[in-house]
Amino acid sequence: MKKNYTISKAKPIETQPPFRMVPRGVLFPSSLNPRKTFSAEALRELAVSMRSGTGIIQPLTVRPGDGSSELLEIVCGERRWRASGAVQVEGETLPEMEFLPVKIVTMTDVGMKCRIVIMTILMTTAIHSM
């Protein structure tokens, strides 16, 4: 007895590349970021590192900004975003990086706060274990 098998067609899934390059100008820092101050020297060091061939190793995590499909709010990576701007190093101006790699996520304010708390705990634990 021969069985009849039917092949169901899968519904198309909306696909987006996991990472994409976006203009630096469409990104803005989140008011929910607990870090409010950034060391100018640390930003200069990161800026030099990012421009020395390694680039940005970890893409920024962003979410769509309120009321605008064009602006993206930085969830994780504000320090990298700041270092990607024009920076003075040893009397020379490093130009702004025009495009940055990002991962776009959908996240509520509550989800974002939870992520920040978890990252803070992990970073604190890593620092104290040194």
C-alpha atoms as a PDB file:
ATOM      1  CA  MET A   1       0.000   0.000   0.000  1.00  0.00           C
ATOM      2  CA  LYS A   2       1.459   3.306  -1.110  1.00  0.00           C
ATOM      3  CA  LYS A   3       1.179   6.259   1.238  1.00  0.00           C
ATOM      4  CA  ASN A   4       0.331   9.653  -0.101  1.00  0.00           C
ATOM      5  CA  TYR A   5       2.576  12.309   1.292  1.00  0.00           C
ATOM      6  CA  THR A   6       1.721  15.924   0.851  1.00  0.00           C
ATOM      7  CA  ILE A   7       4.389  18.523   0.988  1.00  0.00           C
ATOM      8  CA  SER A   8       3.203  21.626   2.732  1.00  0.00           C
ATOM      9  CA  LYS A   9       4.664  24.840   1.566  1.00  0.00           C
ATOM     10  CA  ALA A  10       6.323  26.768   4.339  1.00  0.00           C
ATOM     11  CA  LYS A  11       5.087  30.241   4.908  1.00  0.00           C
ATOM     12  CA  PRO A  12       7.683  32.823   3.984  1.00  0.00           C
ATOM     13  CA  ILE A  13       9.560  34.212   6.950  1.00  0.00           C
ATOM     14  CA  GLU A  14      10.514  37.854   6.962  1.00  0.00           C
ATOM     15  CA  THR A  15      14.257  37.687   6.849  1.00  0.00           C
ATOM     16  CA  GLN A  16      16.758  40.346   7.608  1.00  0.00           C
ATOM     17  CA  PRO A  17      20.476  39.921   7.718  1.00  0.00           C
ATOM     18  CA  PRO A  18      21.585  39.527  11.324  1.00  0.00           C
ATOM     19  CA  PHE A  19      23.837  42.559  10.987  1.00  0.00           C
ATOM     20  CA  ARG A  20      23.786  45.492   8.651  1.00  0.00           C
ATOM     21  CA  MET A  21      25.744  48.667   8.103  1.00  0.00           C
ATOM     22  CA  VAL A  22      23.878  51.896   8.840  1.00  0.00           C
ATOM     23  CA  PRO A  23      24.922  55.553   8.672  1.00  0.00           C
ATOM     24  CA  ARG A  24      26.292  56.786  11.995  1.00  0.00           C
ATOM     25  CA  GLY A  25      23.904  59.748  11.849  1.00  0.00           C
ATOM     26  CA  VAL A  26      20.754  57.614  12.246  1.00  0.00           C
ATOM     27  CA  LEU A  27      21.895  56.330  15.648  1.00  0.00           C
ATOM     28  CA  PHE A  28      21.187  58.065  18.933  1.00  0.00           C
ATOM     29  CA  PRO A  29      22.044  57.201  22.558  1.00  0.00           C
ATOM     30  CA  SER A  30      19.352  55.853  24.854  1.00  0.00           C
ATOM     31  CA  SER A  31      18.248  57.837  27.879  1.00  0.00           C
ATOM     32  CA  LEU A  32      17.969  54.450  29.659  1.00  0.00           C
ATOM     33  CA  ASN A  33      21.729  53.813  29.498  1.00  0.00           C
ATOM     34  CA  PRO A  34      23.021  53.852  33.077  1.00  0.00           C
ATOM     35  CA  ARG A  35      26.467  55.024  31.944  1.00  0.00           C
ATOM     36  CA  LYS A  36      26.391  58.813  31.799  1.00  0.00           C
ATOM     37  CA  THR A  37      30.103  59.681  31.680  1.00  0.00           C
ATOM     38  CA  PHE A  38      32.755  58.435  29.292  1.00  0.00           C
ATOM     39  CA  SER A  39      36.504  58.785  29.739  1.00  0.00           C
ATOM     40  CA  ALA A  40      37.935  60.883  26.918  1.00  0.00           C
ATOM     41  CA  GLU A  41      41.213  58.919  27.047  1.00  0.00           C
ATOM     42  CA  ALA A  42      39.405  55.554  26.882  1.00  0.00           C
ATOM     43  CA  LEU A  43      37.353  56.797  23.925  1.00  0.00           C
ATOM     44  CA  ARG A  44      40.545  57.907  22.130  1.00  0.00           C
ATOM     45  CA  GLU A  45      42.131  54.486  22.724  1.00  0.00           C
ATOM     46  CA  LEU A  46      39.019  52.729  21.416  1.00  0.00           C
ATOM     47  CA  ALA A  47      38.864  55.079  18.410  1.00  0.00           C
ATOM     48  CA  VAL A  48      42.465  54.247  17.472  1.00  0.00           C
ATOM     49  CA  SER A  49      41.802  50.523  17.906  1.00  0.00           C
ATOM     50  CA  MET A  50      38.655  50.667  15.752  1.00  0.00           C
ATOM     51  CA  ARG A  51      40.539  52.429  12.954  1.00  0.00           C
ATOM     52  CA  SER A  52      43.703  50.296  13.075  1.00  0.00           C
ATOM     53  CA  GLY A  53      42.341  47.438  11.020  1.00  0.00           C
ATOM     54  CA  THR A  54      40.254  45.621  13.619  1.00  0.00           C
ATOM     55  CA  GLY A  55      37.203  47.785  13.028  1.00  0.00           C
ATOM     56  CA  ILE A  56      34.209  47.238  15.278  1.00  0.00           C
ATOM     57  CA  ILE A  57      34.321  43.613  16.376  1.00  0.00           C
ATOM     58  CA  GLN A  58      30.937  43.570  18.161  1.00  0.00           C
ATOM     59  CA  PRO A  59      28.099  45.285  16.269  1.00  0.00           C
ATOM     60  CA  LEU A  60      25.964  47.766  18.187  1.00  0.00           C
ATOM     61  CA  THR A  61      22.552  46.522  19.292  1.00  0.00           C
ATOM     62  CA  VAL A  62      19.838  49.009  18.359  1.00  0.00           C
ATOM     63  CA  ARG A  63      16.074  49.266  18.282  1.00  0.00           C
ATOM     64  CA  PRO A  64      13.778  51.456  16.197  1.00  0.00           C
ATOM     65  CA  GLY A  65      13.388  54.925  17.677  1.00  0.00           C
ATOM     66  CA  ASP A  66      10.031  56.263  18.829  1.00  0.00           C
ATOM     67  CA  GLY A  67       7.829  57.401  15.984  1.00  0.00           C
ATOM     68  CA  SER A  68      10.539  57.187  13.359  1.00  0.00           C
ATOM     69  CA  SER A  69      11.483  54.268  11.199  1.00  0.00           C
ATOM     70  CA  GLU A  70      14.725  55.972  10.225  1.00  0.00           C
ATOM     71  CA  LEU A  71      16.279  56.650  13.632  1.00  0.00           C
ATOM     72  CA  LEU A  72      17.718  53.836  15.721  1.00  0.00           C
ATOM     73  CA  GLU A  73      18.177  53.958  19.505  1.00  0.00           C
ATOM     74  CA  ILE A  74      21.369  52.379  20.838  1.00  0.00           C
ATOM     75  CA  VAL A  75      20.602  49.546  23.260  1.00  0.00           C
ATOM     76  CA  CYS A  76      24.219  48.367  23.648  1.00  0.00           C
ATOM     77  CA  GLY A  77      27.302  50.043  22.216  1.00  0.00           C
ATOM     78  CA  GLU A  78      27.123  53.744  23.017  1.00  0.00           C
ATOM     79  CA  ARG A  79      30.851  53.796  23.835  1.00  0.00           C
ATOM     80  CA  ARG A  80      31.670  52.339  20.389  1.00  0.00           C
ATOM     81  CA  TRP A  81      29.290  54.866  18.800  1.00  0.00           C
ATOM     82  CA  ARG A  82      31.011  57.756  20.591  1.00  0.00           C
ATOM     83  CA  ALA A  83      34.485  56.469  19.624  1.00  0.00           C
ATOM     84  CA  SER A  84      33.369  56.238  15.987  1.00  0.00           C
ATOM     85  CA  GLY A  85      32.964  60.025  15.839  1.00  0.00           C
ATOM     86  CA  ALA A  86      35.701  62.480  14.922  1.00  0.00           C
ATOM     87  CA  VAL A  87      38.418  62.234  17.595  1.00  0.00           C
ATOM     88  CA  GLN A  88      41.622  64.174  18.342  1.00  0.00           C
ATOM     89  CA  VAL A  89      44.624  61.869  18.815  1.00  0.00           C
ATOM     90  CA  GLU A  90      48.130  63.265  19.253  1.00  0.00           C
ATOM     91  CA  GLY A  91      47.211  66.516  17.501  1.00  0.00           C
ATOM     92  CA  GLU A  92      45.611  64.708  14.563  1.00  0.00           C
ATOM     93  CA  THR A  93      41.877  64.472  13.900  1.00  0.00           C
ATOM     94  CA  LEU A  94      40.688  60.968  13.137  1.00  0.00           C
ATOM     95  CA  PRO A  95      37.713  61.271  10.788  1.00  0.00           C
ATOM     96  CA  GLU A  96      34.264  60.081  11.720  1.00  0.00           C
ATOM     97  CA  MET A  97      33.393  56.535  10.685  1.00  0.00           C
ATOM     98  CA  GLU A  98      30.491  56.907   8.243  1.00  0.00           C
ATOM     99  CA  PHE A  99      28.834  53.503   8.698  1.00  0.00           C
ATOM    100  CA  LEU A 100      28.593  51.217  11.717  1.00  0.00           C
ATOM    101  CA  PRO A 101      27.544  47.566  11.990  1.00  0.00           C
ATOM    102  CA  VAL A 102      24.309  47.084  13.934  1.00  0.00           C
ATOM    103  CA  LYS A 103      21.931  44.351  14.960  1.00  0.00           C
ATOM    104  CA  ILE A 104      18.359  45.642  15.004  1.00  0.00           C
ATOM    105  CA  VAL A 105      16.152  44.162  17.723  1.00  0.00           C
ATOM    106  CA  THR A 106      12.603  44.734  18.881  1.00  0.00           C
ATOM    107  CA  MET A 107      12.675  45.516  22.569  1.00  0.00           C
ATOM    108  CA  THR A 108      10.415  47.318  25.025  1.00  0.00           C
ATOM    109  CA  ASP A 109      11.732  49.727  27.653  1.00  0.00           C
ATOM    110  CA  VAL A 110      11.233  46.996  30.271  1.00  0.00           C
ATOM    111  CA  GLY A 111      13.201  44.508  28.166  1.00  0.00           C
ATOM    112  CA  MET A 112      15.928  47.071  27.690  1.00  0.00           C
ATOM    113  CA  LYS A 113      16.151  47.787  31.421  1.00  0.00           C
ATOM    114  CA  CYS A 114      16.372  44.046  32.152  1.00  0.00           C
ATOM    115  CA  ARG A 115      19.177  43.663  29.611  1.00  0.00           C
ATOM    116  CA  ILE A 116      21.068  46.582  31.155  1.00  0.00           C
ATOM    117  CA  VAL A 117      20.718  45.127  34.675  1.00  0.00           C
ATOM    118  CA  ILE A 118      21.976  41.725  33.503  1.00  0.00           C
ATOM    119  CA  MET A 119      24.937  43.263  31.656  1.00  0.00           C
ATOM    120  CA  THR A 120      25.797  45.396  34.689  1.00  0.00           C
ATOM    121  CA  ILE A 121      25.770  42.326  36.946  1.00  0.00           C
ATOM    122  CA  LEU A 122      27.947  40.371  34.501  1.00  0.00           C
ATOM    123  CA  MET A 123      30.439  43.220  34.137  1.00  0.00           C
ATOM    124  CA  THR A 124      30.620  43.766  37.896  1.00  0.00           C
ATOM    125  CA  THR A 125      31.130  40.049  38.472  1.00  0.00           C
ATOM    126  CA  ALA A 126      33.902  39.945  35.871  1.00  0.00           C
ATOM    127  CA  ILE A 127      35.642  42.954  37.423  1.00  0.00           C
ATOM    128  CA  HIS A 128      35.440  41.549  40.968  1.00  0.00           C
ATOM    129  CA  SER A 129      36.757  38.147  39.873  1.00  0.00           C
ATOM    130  CA  MET A 130      39.979  39.690  38.541  1.00  0.00           C
END
